[in-house]
């Protein structure tokens, strides 16, 4: 499996939603590369942080990646500008390469039809229902949901999202993954020693 994870970046992306996942993947030996519509054209997050994409979306190939991570962004609900990223998610899933989507990116996947037959979550069920998608029966009211190669989470769950990402890619497993989650989600001091044992 490739040791490169691709993080989609676009204007208005929600900085906080993928930080735990990407930081701990990098600390676990994965390379995190950013993907924008155009390489070398800066984008700005919701906070105004400027990011220079490493790679153009047209050059992104599932076979070169361990996972595609799609953060939320205001643009997911402001038209079709980010639809090419949802189409890329389809290519990844069709190729058997995992995709992780949080917050507004779940709506993009819903519009692409990728949640119609998979268990998933998001901010709330009626947020996805407003997209007109056909997957309402598969909505799960949970912090984060993994169904095969697809991970979804709502905007308030970056730590649960990261837990699913880290577990899916084997960055942490078993008791170590549990300790990581208890440390960062529950502030459990005992988990620190377990994580670093």
Protein backbone atom coordinates (compact mmCIF):
# COMPACT_ATOMS: atom_id res chain seq x y z
CA UNK A 1 0.00 0.00 0.00
CA UNK A 2 1.29 3.51 -0.75
CA UNK A 3 2.33 5.53 2.29
CA UNK A 4 1.01 8.80 0.84
CA UNK A 5 -2.29 10.27 1.98
CA UNK A 6 -3.91 13.00 -0.10
CA UNK A 7 -5.67 15.88 1.63
CA UNK A 8 -8.03 17.90 -0.55
CA UNK A 9 -7.62 21.65 -0.09
CA UNK A 10 -9.93 24.36 -1.37
CA UNK A 11 -11.10 27.80 -0.35
CA UNK A 12 -13.13 27.90 2.90
CA UNK A 13 -11.90 24.48 4.07
CA UNK A 14 -12.45 23.89 7.78
CA UNK A 15 -8.94 23.83 9.24
CA UNK A 16 -9.76 22.00 12.46
CA UNK A 17 -11.58 19.03 10.99
CA UNK A 18 -8.62 17.08 9.62
CA UNK A 19 -5.74 18.31 11.79
CA UNK A 20 -5.66 15.36 14.20
CA UNK A 21 -5.82 12.84 11.36
CA UNK A 22 -3.14 14.38 9.18
CA UNK A 23 -0.75 15.23 12.03
CA UNK A 24 -0.83 11.74 13.49
CA UNK A 25 -0.61 10.08 10.09
CA UNK A 26 2.54 12.12 9.44
CA UNK A 27 3.92 11.15 12.86
CA UNK A 28 3.23 7.53 11.97
CA UNK A 29 5.32 7.62 8.81
CA UNK A 30 2.78 8.63 6.19
CA UNK A 31 3.43 11.46 3.77
CA UNK A 32 0.55 13.94 3.57
CA UNK A 33 0.25 15.73 0.22
CA UNK A 34 -2.29 18.44 -0.51
CA UNK A 35 -4.45 18.38 -3.64
CA UNK A 36 -6.09 21.47 -5.11
CA UNK A 37 -7.94 22.16 -8.30
CA UNK A 38 -4.71 23.70 -9.57
CA UNK A 39 -1.25 22.90 -8.19
CA UNK A 40 0.71 25.87 -6.90
CA UNK A 41 -2.38 28.12 -6.73
CA UNK A 42 -2.93 29.08 -3.08
CA UNK A 43 -6.25 28.45 -1.37
CA UNK A 44 -7.44 29.98 1.89
CA UNK A 45 -9.08 28.11 4.74
CA UNK A 46 -12.00 29.45 6.77
CA UNK A 47 -9.39 30.96 9.12
CA UNK A 48 -7.62 32.61 6.21
CA UNK A 49 -4.63 30.27 6.36
CA UNK A 50 -3.04 30.10 2.93
CA UNK A 51 -2.22 26.64 1.60
CA UNK A 52 -0.25 25.93 -1.57
CA UNK A 53 -1.44 22.61 -3.07
CA UNK A 54 1.24 20.04 -3.88
CA UNK A 55 -0.74 18.43 -6.67
CA UNK A 56 -3.49 19.28 -9.15
CA UNK A 57 -6.71 17.31 -8.86
CA UNK A 58 -6.37 16.17 -12.49
CA UNK A 59 -3.06 14.51 -11.58
CA UNK A 60 -4.43 12.63 -8.57
CA UNK A 61 -4.45 8.85 -9.10
CA UNK A 62 -5.95 6.36 -6.63
CA UNK A 63 -3.09 3.91 -7.19
CA UNK A 64 -0.64 6.49 -5.81
CA UNK A 65 -2.57 7.00 -2.59
CA UNK A 66 -3.43 5.27 0.67
CA UNK A 67 -6.47 7.54 1.21
CA UNK A 68 -8.23 10.69 0.05
CA UNK A 69 -9.32 12.99 2.88
CA UNK A 70 -12.04 15.57 2.19
CA UNK A 71 -12.53 18.32 4.79
CA UNK A 72 -15.67 20.34 5.14
CA UNK A 73 -15.89 23.80 3.58
CA UNK A 74 -18.54 26.45 3.05
CA UNK A 75 -18.16 25.85 -0.70
CA UNK A 76 -19.67 22.35 -0.43
CA UNK A 77 -23.05 24.06 0.08
CA UNK A 78 -22.53 27.03 -2.24
CA UNK A 79 -22.78 25.39 -5.66
CA UNK A 80 -20.91 22.80 -7.68
CA UNK A 81 -17.37 24.18 -7.43
CA UNK A 82 -16.20 21.25 -5.30
CA UNK A 83 -18.07 18.55 -7.26
CA UNK A 84 -14.80 17.44 -8.95
CA UNK A 85 -13.52 16.38 -5.52
CA UNK A 86 -16.61 14.21 -4.99
CA UNK A 87 -16.02 12.71 -8.43
CA UNK A 88 -12.43 11.96 -7.36
CA UNK A 89 -13.84 10.22 -4.28
CA UNK A 90 -15.90 8.01 -6.59
CA UNK A 91 -12.75 7.05 -8.52
CA UNK A 92 -10.97 6.21 -5.28
CA UNK A 93 -13.80 4.07 -3.94
CA UNK A 94 -14.20 2.31 -7.30
CA UNK A 95 -10.47 1.49 -7.14
CA UNK A 96 -10.73 0.17 -3.57
CA UNK A 97 -8.82 3.09 -2.05
CA UNK A 98 -10.32 4.58 1.13
CA UNK A 99 -11.99 7.98 1.30
CA UNK A 100 -12.62 9.95 4.50
CA UNK A 101 -15.10 12.84 4.44
CA UNK A 102 -16.15 15.14 7.26
CA UNK A 103 -18.81 17.84 7.61
CA UNK A 104 -19.81 19.48 4.32
CA UNK A 105 -17.79 16.97 2.30
CA UNK A 106 -20.40 14.37 3.28
CA UNK A 107 -22.99 16.47 1.43
CA UNK A 108 -20.74 16.46 -1.62
CA UNK A 109 -20.55 12.67 -1.46
CA UNK A 110 -24.32 12.50 -1.01
CA UNK A 111 -24.86 14.58 -4.17
CA UNK A 112 -22.44 12.26 -5.99
CA UNK A 113 -24.58 9.25 -4.94
CA UNK A 114 -21.80 7.72 -2.84
CA UNK A 115 -23.89 7.50 0.34
CA UNK A 116 -26.96 5.90 -1.21
CA UNK A 117 -25.90 2.34 -0.31
CA UNK A 118 -23.36 2.82 2.49
CA UNK A 119 -23.71 3.41 6.22
CA UNK A 120 -22.68 7.00 6.92
CA UNK A 121 -23.07 9.99 9.19
CA UNK A 122 -22.81 13.77 8.94
CA UNK A 123 -23.83 16.86 10.92
CA UNK A 124 -27.47 15.73 11.15
CA UNK A 125 -29.69 13.57 8.96
CA UNK A 126 -31.77 16.44 7.60
CA UNK A 127 -28.62 18.22 6.39
CA UNK A 128 -27.96 15.33 4.01
CA UNK A 129 -31.66 14.91 3.22
CA UNK A 130 -31.62 18.45 1.81
CA UNK A 131 -29.23 17.23 -0.91
CA UNK A 132 -31.99 15.00 -2.32
CA UNK A 133 -29.86 11.89 -1.94
CA UNK A 134 -31.35 8.40 -1.68
CA UNK A 135 -29.33 7.12 1.30
CA UNK A 136 -31.40 8.29 4.26
CA UNK A 137 -32.07 4.72 5.38
CA UNK A 138 -28.31 4.22 5.79
CA UNK A 139 -27.77 7.29 7.98
CA UNK A 140 -26.27 6.44 11.39
CA UNK A 141 -26.48 8.86 14.30
CA UNK A 142 -22.87 8.40 15.45
CA UNK A 143 -19.69 10.45 15.88
CA UNK A 144 -18.00 8.76 12.92
CA UNK A 145 -18.89 5.81 10.71
CA UNK A 146 -16.73 3.47 8.65
CA UNK A 147 -18.39 1.36 5.97
CA UNK A 148 -15.81 -0.56 3.97
CA UNK A 149 -13.50 2.01 2.41
CA UNK A 150 -15.63 5.04 3.33
CA UNK A 151 -15.31 7.05 6.54
CA UNK A 152 -17.74 9.86 7.39
CA UNK A 153 -18.09 12.21 10.36
CA UNK A 154 -19.87 15.37 11.40
CA UNK A 155 -18.22 18.77 11.97
CA UNK A 156 -17.96 18.44 15.74
CA UNK A 157 -16.08 15.15 15.66
CA UNK A 158 -12.53 15.68 14.35
CA UNK A 159 -11.11 13.32 16.98
CA UNK A 160 -13.55 10.49 16.21
CA UNK A 161 -12.89 11.12 12.52
CA UNK A 162 -9.15 10.83 13.12
CA UNK A 163 -9.64 7.62 15.12
CA UNK A 164 -11.35 6.01 12.12
CA UNK A 165 -8.69 7.29 9.70
CA UNK A 166 -5.78 6.17 11.89
CA UNK A 167 -7.36 2.77 12.43
CA UNK A 168 -8.20 2.25 8.77
CA UNK A 169 -4.62 2.92 7.72
CA UNK A 170 -3.08 0.99 10.61
CA UNK A 171 -1.28 4.00 12.08
CA UNK A 172 -2.56 2.82 15.47
CA UNK A 173 -4.35 -0.42 16.26
CA UNK A 174 -6.14 -2.10 19.14
CA UNK A 175 -5.28 -0.84 22.61
CA UNK A 176 -2.97 1.86 21.23
CA UNK A 177 -5.76 3.29 19.04
CA UNK A 178 -8.12 3.18 22.02
CA UNK A 179 -5.55 4.98 24.17
CA UNK A 180 -5.03 7.63 21.49
CA UNK A 181 -8.79 8.26 21.36
CA UNK A 182 -9.18 8.39 25.14
CA UNK A 183 -6.31 10.85 25.40
CA UNK A 184 -7.52 13.29 22.75
CA UNK A 185 -11.28 12.84 23.08
CA UNK A 186 -11.72 12.20 26.79
CA UNK A 187 -8.56 13.89 28.19
CA UNK A 188 -7.80 10.65 30.04
CA UNK A 189 -4.31 11.10 31.57
CA UNK A 190 -3.83 7.34 31.95
CA UNK A 191 -4.09 7.03 28.17
CA UNK A 192 -0.89 9.05 27.71
CA UNK A 193 1.25 6.36 29.29
CA UNK A 194 -0.58 3.62 27.38
CA UNK A 195 -0.10 5.43 24.09
CA UNK A 196 3.61 5.93 24.70
CA UNK A 197 4.33 2.50 26.22
